[in-house]
Amino acid sequence: MKTSIFDGADNQEPFFGYTLSIISGKWKLLIIYHLSKNGTVRYNELQRMLGKITYKTLSSALKEMQSDGLVHREEYPQIPPKVEYSLTEKGQTLWPLIQEMCKWGEHNKEH
């Protein structure tokens, strides 16, 4: 079982810690955002969309998200290799939460 700093977030709400562990980090929400908006994308496209993310960081985040069942990785056996990423059904269920977070930011950001 994966442990994280969020495991003890609230002993009465263990699912809160689980949810936080799934979306924690600087890049995961942005990856979900871009995959939600753009559908299936190649690795280099996603890296360009995210901006200043290193190859290692993106690769690590995608592997974690794949392990968590949020991201699907499709590898095509060709030269040069082609790999595409998309959200799974589970990953797509996070999109409404992200939209609500955006609405919250819109309403609470001081102009």
C-alpha atoms as a PDB file:
ATOM      1  CA  MET A   1       0.000   0.000   0.000  1.00  0.00           C
ATOM      2  CA  LYS A   2       1.269   3.439  -0.916  1.00  0.00           C
ATOM      3  CA  THR A   3       1.912   5.775   1.996  1.00  0.00           C
ATOM      4  CA  SER A   4       2.061   9.526   1.828  1.00  0.00           C
ATOM      5  CA  ILE A   5       2.248  12.593   4.001  1.00  0.00           C
ATOM      6  CA  PHE A   6      -1.533  12.884   3.640  1.00  0.00           C
ATOM      7  CA  ASP A   7      -2.324   9.540   5.297  1.00  0.00           C
ATOM      8  CA  GLY A   8      -2.782  11.200   8.667  1.00  0.00           C
ATOM      9  CA  ALA A   9      -4.619  14.222   7.254  1.00  0.00           C
ATOM     10  CA  ASP A  10      -7.828  13.252   8.997  1.00  0.00           C
ATOM     11  CA  ASN A  11      -8.300   9.901  10.674  1.00  0.00           C
ATOM     12  CA  GLN A  12     -12.067  10.301  10.390  1.00  0.00           C
ATOM     13  CA  GLU A  13     -11.881  10.813   6.625  1.00  0.00           C
ATOM     14  CA  PRO A  14      -9.378   8.322   5.173  1.00  0.00           C
ATOM     15  CA  PHE A  15     -10.615   9.023   1.650  1.00  0.00           C
ATOM     16  CA  PHE A  16      -9.526  12.641   1.988  1.00  0.00           C
ATOM     17  CA  GLY A  17      -5.925  11.483   2.362  1.00  0.00           C
ATOM     18  CA  TYR A  18      -6.312   9.105  -0.567  1.00  0.00           C
ATOM     19  CA  THR A  19      -7.684  11.844  -2.810  1.00  0.00           C
ATOM     20  CA  LEU A  20      -4.889  14.211  -1.850  1.00  0.00           C
ATOM     21  CA  SER A  21      -2.261  11.558  -2.527  1.00  0.00           C
ATOM     22  CA  ILE A  22      -3.686  10.991  -6.022  1.00  0.00           C
ATOM     23  CA  ILE A  23      -3.546  14.682  -7.039  1.00  0.00           C
ATOM     24  CA  SER A  24      -0.607  15.831  -4.920  1.00  0.00           C
ATOM     25  CA  GLY A  25       2.425  17.450  -6.429  1.00  0.00           C
ATOM     26  CA  LYS A  26       3.052  20.420  -8.629  1.00  0.00           C
ATOM     27  CA  TRP A  27       2.222  18.772 -11.950  1.00  0.00           C
ATOM     28  CA  LYS A  28      -0.533  16.172 -11.612  1.00  0.00           C
ATOM     29  CA  LEU A  29      -3.477  18.574 -11.704  1.00  0.00           C
ATOM     30  CA  LEU A  30      -1.930  20.337 -14.703  1.00  0.00           C
ATOM     31  CA  ILE A  31      -1.448  17.014 -16.479  1.00  0.00           C
ATOM     32  CA  ILE A  32      -5.081  16.093 -15.822  1.00  0.00           C
ATOM     33  CA  TYR A  33      -6.144  19.544 -17.019  1.00  0.00           C
ATOM     34  CA  HIS A  34      -4.242  19.294 -20.315  1.00  0.00           C
ATOM     35  CA  LEU A  35      -5.291  15.704 -21.003  1.00  0.00           C
ATOM     36  CA  SER A  36      -8.905  16.655 -20.279  1.00  0.00           C
ATOM     37  CA  LYS A  37      -8.772  19.619 -22.645  1.00  0.00           C
ATOM     38  CA  ASN A  38      -6.747  17.957 -25.428  1.00  0.00           C
ATOM     39  CA  GLY A  39      -7.653  14.271 -25.276  1.00  0.00           C
ATOM     40  CA  THR A  40      -4.921  11.897 -26.378  1.00  0.00           C
ATOM     41  CA  VAL A  41      -1.502  13.521 -26.664  1.00  0.00           C
ATOM     42  CA  ARG A  42       2.057  12.430 -27.318  1.00  0.00           C
ATOM     43  CA  TYR A  43       4.704  12.798 -24.636  1.00  0.00           C
ATOM     44  CA  ASN A  44       6.531  15.725 -26.268  1.00  0.00           C
ATOM     45  CA  GLU A  45       3.240  17.566 -26.886  1.00  0.00           C
ATOM     46  CA  LEU A  46       2.329  17.232 -23.226  1.00  0.00           C
ATOM     47  CA  GLN A  47       5.780  18.410 -22.166  1.00  0.00           C
ATOM     48  CA  ARG A  48       5.406  21.519 -24.366  1.00  0.00           C
ATOM     49  CA  MET A  49       1.953  22.229 -22.926  1.00  0.00           C
ATOM     50  CA  LEU A  50       3.294  22.068 -19.372  1.00  0.00           C
ATOM     51  CA  GLY A  51       6.241  24.354 -19.995  1.00  0.00           C
ATOM     52  CA  LYS A  52       9.139  24.109 -17.566  1.00  0.00           C
ATOM     53  CA  ILE A  53       8.858  20.467 -16.574  1.00  0.00           C
ATOM     54  CA  THR A  54      11.841  18.164 -16.868  1.00  0.00           C
ATOM     55  CA  TYR A  55      11.739  14.870 -18.755  1.00  0.00           C
ATOM     56  CA  LYS A  56      12.355  12.968 -15.511  1.00  0.00           C
ATOM     57  CA  THR A  57       9.636  14.798 -13.579  1.00  0.00           C
ATOM     58  CA  LEU A  58       7.010  14.320 -16.285  1.00  0.00           C
ATOM     59  CA  SER A  59       7.945  10.690 -16.753  1.00  0.00           C
ATOM     60  CA  SER A  60       7.723  10.060 -13.005  1.00  0.00           C
ATOM     61  CA  ALA A  61       4.346  11.835 -12.670  1.00  0.00           C
ATOM     62  CA  LEU A  62       2.890   9.914 -15.624  1.00  0.00           C
ATOM     63  CA  LYS A  63       4.109   6.589 -14.188  1.00  0.00           C
ATOM     64  CA  GLU A  64       2.520   7.383 -10.821  1.00  0.00           C
ATOM     65  CA  MET A  65      -0.713   8.436 -12.488  1.00  0.00           C
ATOM     66  CA  GLN A  66      -0.687   5.310 -14.628  1.00  0.00           C
ATOM     67  CA  SER A  67      -0.137   3.202 -11.508  1.00  0.00           C
ATOM     68  CA  ASP A  68      -3.059   5.001  -9.824  1.00  0.00           C
ATOM     69  CA  GLY A  69      -5.295   4.224 -12.801  1.00  0.00           C
ATOM     70  CA  LEU A  70      -5.679   7.848 -13.939  1.00  0.00           C
ATOM     71  CA  VAL A  71      -3.654   7.791 -17.148  1.00  0.00           C
ATOM     72  CA  HIS A  72      -3.568   5.330 -20.028  1.00  0.00           C
ATOM     73  CA  ARG A  73      -0.295   4.882 -21.923  1.00  0.00           C
ATOM     74  CA  GLU A  74      -0.475   3.531 -25.465  1.00  0.00           C
ATOM     75  CA  GLU A  75       2.785   2.492 -27.096  1.00  0.00           C
ATOM     76  CA  TYR A  76       2.922   1.868 -30.828  1.00  0.00           C
ATOM     77  CA  PRO A  77       5.576  -0.546 -32.150  1.00  0.00           C
ATOM     78  CA  GLN A  78       7.147   1.607 -34.827  1.00  0.00           C
ATOM     79  CA  ILE A  79      10.361   3.463 -35.560  1.00  0.00           C
ATOM     80  CA  PRO A  80      10.647   6.061 -34.167  1.00  0.00           C
ATOM     81  CA  PRO A  81       8.652   4.929 -31.126  1.00  0.00           C
ATOM     82  CA  LYS A  82       5.272   6.566 -30.648  1.00  0.00           C
ATOM     83  CA  VAL A  83       3.698   6.833 -27.202  1.00  0.00           C
ATOM     84  CA  GLU A  84       0.384   8.534 -26.454  1.00  0.00           C
ATOM     85  CA  TYR A  85      -1.233   9.404 -23.141  1.00  0.00           C
ATOM     86  CA  SER A  86      -4.884   9.900 -22.298  1.00  0.00           C
ATOM     87  CA  LEU A  87      -7.071   9.915 -19.222  1.00  0.00           C
ATOM     88  CA  THR A  88      -8.785   6.733 -18.147  1.00  0.00           C
ATOM     89  CA  GLU A  89     -12.431   6.788 -17.089  1.00  0.00           C
ATOM     90  CA  LYS A  90     -11.228   7.147 -13.496  1.00  0.00           C
ATOM     91  CA  GLY A  91      -8.991  10.058 -14.506  1.00  0.00           C
ATOM     92  CA  GLN A  92     -11.842  11.752 -16.345  1.00  0.00           C
ATOM     93  CA  THR A  93     -13.892  11.786 -13.135  1.00  0.00           C
ATOM     94  CA  LEU A  94     -11.418  14.334 -11.717  1.00  0.00           C
ATOM     95  CA  TRP A  95     -12.274  16.910 -14.412  1.00  0.00           C
ATOM     96  CA  PRO A  96     -15.426  18.216 -12.671  1.00  0.00           C
ATOM     97  CA  LEU A  97     -13.399  18.709  -9.482  1.00  0.00           C
ATOM     98  CA  ILE A  98     -10.801  20.729 -11.379  1.00  0.00           C
ATOM     99  CA  GLN A  99     -13.548  22.833 -12.970  1.00  0.00           C
ATOM    100  CA  GLU A 100     -14.954  23.570  -9.505  1.00  0.00           C
ATOM    101  CA  MET A 101     -11.489  24.549  -8.289  1.00  0.00           C
ATOM    102  CA  CYS A 102     -11.199  26.947 -11.235  1.00  0.00           C
ATOM    103  CA  LYS A 103     -14.594  28.465 -10.374  1.00  0.00           C
ATOM    104  CA  TRP A 104     -13.487  28.867  -6.763  1.00  0.00           C
ATOM    105  CA  GLY A 105     -10.346  30.664  -7.930  1.00  0.00           C
ATOM    106  CA  GLU A 106     -12.350  32.920 -10.212  1.00  0.00           C
ATOM    107  CA  HIS A 107     -14.716  33.932  -7.404  1.00  0.00           C
ATOM    108  CA  ASN A 108     -12.077  34.338  -4.703  1.00  0.00           C
ATOM    109  CA  LYS A 109      -9.146  35.909  -6.521  1.00  0.00           C
ATOM    110  CA  GLU A 110      -8.736  39.532  -5.594  1.00  0.00           C
ATOM    111  CA  HIS A 111      -8.705  41.748  -8.653  1.00  0.00           C
END
